[in-house]
C-alpha atoms as a PDB file:
ATOM      1  CA  MET A   1     -10.959 112.832  66.082  1.00  0.00           C
ATOM      2  CA  ALA A   2     -13.142 109.744  66.842  1.00  0.00           C
ATOM      3  CA  GLU A   3      -9.979 107.623  66.794  1.00  0.00           C
ATOM      4  CA  ILE A   4      -8.411 109.758  69.524  1.00  0.00           C
ATOM      5  CA  GLU A   5     -11.584 109.599  71.553  1.00  0.00           C
ATOM      6  CA  ASP A   6     -11.583 105.818  71.274  1.00  0.00           C
ATOM      7  CA  GLN A   7      -7.992 105.648  72.477  1.00  0.00           C
ATOM      8  CA  ILE A   8      -8.795 107.904  75.401  1.00  0.00           C
ATOM      9  CA  VAL A   9     -11.716 105.696  76.488  1.00  0.00           C
ATOM     10  CA  TYR A  10      -9.609 102.532  76.060  1.00  0.00           C
ATOM     11  CA  ASN A  11      -6.720 103.934  78.081  1.00  0.00           C
ATOM     12  CA  GLN A  12      -9.009 105.181  80.856  1.00  0.00           C
ATOM     13  CA  ALA A  13     -10.656 101.736  81.124  1.00  0.00           C
ATOM     14  CA  LYS A  14      -7.264 100.112  81.282  1.00  0.00           C
ATOM     15  CA  VAL A  15      -6.121 102.400  84.132  1.00  0.00           C
ATOM     16  CA  LEU A  16      -9.363 101.984  86.112  1.00  0.00           C
ATOM     17  CA  GLN A  17      -9.143  98.197  85.693  1.00  0.00           C
ATOM     18  CA  ALA A  18      -5.627  98.213  87.008  1.00  0.00           C
ATOM     19  CA  PHE A  19      -6.728 100.234  90.057  1.00  0.00           C
ATOM     20  CA  GLN A  20      -9.559  97.708  90.640  1.00  0.00           C
ATOM     21  CA  ASP A  21      -7.353  94.595  90.127  1.00  0.00           C
ATOM     22  CA  ASN A  22      -4.855  95.891  92.660  1.00  0.00           C
ATOM     23  CA  SER A  23      -7.540  96.921  95.220  1.00  0.00           C
ATOM     24  CA  VAL A  24      -6.414 100.484  95.421  1.00  0.00           C
ATOM     25  CA  ALA A  25      -8.394 102.166  98.252  1.00  0.00           C
ATOM     26  CA  GLU A  26      -8.599 105.787  99.337  1.00  0.00           C
ATOM     27  CA  ALA A  27      -6.225 105.049 102.227  1.00  0.00           C
ATOM     28  CA  ASP A  28      -3.560 103.907  99.767  1.00  0.00           C
ATOM     29  CA  LEU A  29      -3.449 107.437  98.299  1.00  0.00           C
ATOM     30  CA  ASN A  30      -2.414 109.101 101.562  1.00  0.00           C
ATOM     31  CA  GLY A  31       1.169 110.274 101.878  1.00  0.00           C
ATOM     32  CA  ALA A  32       3.751 108.588 104.051  1.00  0.00           C
ATOM     33  CA  THR A  33       6.556 110.048 106.195  1.00  0.00           C
ATOM     34  CA  GLY A  34      10.013 108.755 106.802  1.00  0.00           C
ATOM     35  CA  TYR A  35      11.388 106.052 104.516  1.00  0.00           C
ATOM     36  CA  GLY A  36       7.977 104.749 103.632  1.00  0.00           C
ATOM     37  CA  ASP A  37       8.986 101.142 104.111  1.00  0.00           C
ATOM     38  CA  ASP A  38       5.457 100.275 105.189  1.00  0.00           C
ATOM     39  CA  ASP A  39       3.773 102.372 102.528  1.00  0.00           C
ATOM     40  CA  ILE A  40       1.310  99.822 101.020  1.00  0.00           C
ATOM     41  CA  GLY A  41      -0.030 102.485  98.539  1.00  0.00           C
ATOM     42  CA  ARG A  42       3.355 102.893  96.995  1.00  0.00           C
ATOM     43  CA  ASP A  43       3.651  99.183  96.309  1.00  0.00           C
ATOM     44  CA  LYS A  44       0.132  99.123  94.850  1.00  0.00           C
ATOM     45  CA  LEU A  45       0.963 102.095  92.602  1.00  0.00           C
ATOM     46  CA  ASP A  46       4.021 100.199  91.287  1.00  0.00           C
ATOM     47  CA  ARG A  47       1.725  97.293  90.442  1.00  0.00           C
ATOM     48  CA  VAL A  48      -0.856  99.567  88.786  1.00  0.00           C
ATOM     49  CA  TYR A  49       1.819 101.114  86.516  1.00  0.00           C
ATOM     50  CA  ALA A  50       3.254  97.681  85.682  1.00  0.00           C
ATOM     51  CA  GLN A  51      -0.213  96.429  84.671  1.00  0.00           C
ATOM     52  CA  VAL A  52      -1.136  99.549  82.667  1.00  0.00           C
ATOM     53  CA  PHE A  53       2.070  99.456  80.710  1.00  0.00           C
ATOM     54  CA  ASP A  54       2.146  95.623  80.463  1.00  0.00           C
ATOM     55  CA  ALA A  55       5.543  95.485  82.210  1.00  0.00           C
ATOM     56  CA  GLU A  56       7.099  92.826  84.504  1.00  0.00           C
ATOM     57  CA  ASP A  57       7.492  95.387  87.260  1.00  0.00           C
ATOM     58  CA  ALA A  58       7.515  99.103  87.786  1.00  0.00           C
ATOM     59  CA  LEU A  59       9.181 101.639  90.119  1.00  0.00           C
ATOM     60  CA  MET A  60       7.335 104.957  90.327  1.00  0.00           C
ATOM     61  CA  ARG A  61       8.837 107.544  92.645  1.00  0.00           C
ATOM     62  CA  PRO A  62       8.462 111.310  92.943  1.00  0.00           C
ATOM     63  CA  GLN A  63      12.117 111.369  94.106  1.00  0.00           C
ATOM     64  CA  PHE A  64      13.342 110.651  90.561  1.00  0.00           C
ATOM     65  CA  VAL A  65      14.291 114.181  89.527  1.00  0.00           C
ATOM     66  CA  SER A  66      15.385 113.504  85.893  1.00  0.00           C
ATOM     67  CA  GLY A  67      15.547 111.082  83.102  1.00  0.00           C
ATOM     68  CA  THR A  68      19.259 110.592  83.867  1.00  0.00           C
ATOM     69  CA  HIS A  69      18.414 109.721  87.432  1.00  0.00           C
ATOM     70  CA  THR A  70      15.992 106.994  86.354  1.00  0.00           C
ATOM     71  CA  LEU A  71      18.389 105.636  83.732  1.00  0.00           C
ATOM     72  CA  PHE A  72      21.157 105.419  86.381  1.00  0.00           C
ATOM     73  CA  THR A  73      18.811 103.615  88.775  1.00  0.00           C
ATOM     74  CA  ALA A  74      17.770 101.084  86.098  1.00  0.00           C
ATOM     75  CA  LEU A  75      21.320 100.422  84.920  1.00  0.00           C
ATOM     76  CA  ASN A  76      22.710 100.269  88.441  1.00  0.00           C
ATOM     77  CA  GLY A  77      20.042  97.695  89.330  1.00  0.00           C
ATOM     78  CA  ASN A  78      20.742  95.485  86.321  1.00  0.00           C
ATOM     79  CA  LEU A  79      24.479  95.624  85.807  1.00  0.00           C
ATOM     80  CA  LYS A  80      27.137  94.279  88.098  1.00  0.00           C
ATOM     81  CA  TYR A  81      30.563  95.812  88.539  1.00  0.00           C
ATOM     82  CA  GLY A  82      32.672  95.001  85.491  1.00  0.00           C
ATOM     83  CA  ASP A  83      29.760  94.278  83.190  1.00  0.00           C
ATOM     84  CA  THR A  84      29.869  95.662  79.686  1.00  0.00           C
ATOM     85  CA  LEU A  85      26.910  97.582  78.317  1.00  0.00           C
ATOM     86  CA  THR A  86      26.531  97.451  74.552  1.00  0.00           C
ATOM     87  CA  TYR A  87      24.105  99.736  72.779  1.00  0.00           C
ATOM     88  CA  LEU A  88      23.450 100.830  69.226  1.00  0.00           C
ATOM     89  CA  MET A  89      22.959 104.413  68.390  1.00  0.00           C
ATOM     90  CA  GLY A  90      22.066 106.075  65.134  1.00  0.00           C
ATOM     91  CA  CYS A  91      22.242 109.674  64.169  1.00  0.00           C
ATOM     92  CA  HIS A  92      19.568 111.807  65.753  1.00  0.00           C
ATOM     93  CA  MET A  93      17.343 113.634  63.209  1.00  0.00           C
ATOM     94  CA  ILE A  94      18.158 117.051  64.651  1.00  0.00           C
ATOM     95  CA  LEU A  95      21.904 116.538  64.616  1.00  0.00           C
ATOM     96  CA  CYS A  96      22.198 114.909  61.172  1.00  0.00           C
ATOM     97  CA  LYS A  97      21.777 116.728  57.889  1.00  0.00           C
ATOM     98  CA  LYS A  98      20.172 114.796  55.071  1.00  0.00           C
END
């Protein structure tokens, strides 16, 4: 149980540090209307997520409605027409009998 508590405290500190490092203010948490092209808070939230998950960049949007939607967006942004996507797949534990 103490191990879980330590992880909670560590993760909370990491998130709070990311908010501080990216100068997130109360005004950044207000909603935006229209396309939100000038929504500074949205850009800051992307940077916060990238820092927390130690990623190069992040794209966090409530408009993503499913995992398939996010996968399509990621693949569409990284592959050009005619590119070949190669992936490895094993047998899922639920589908395979041992």
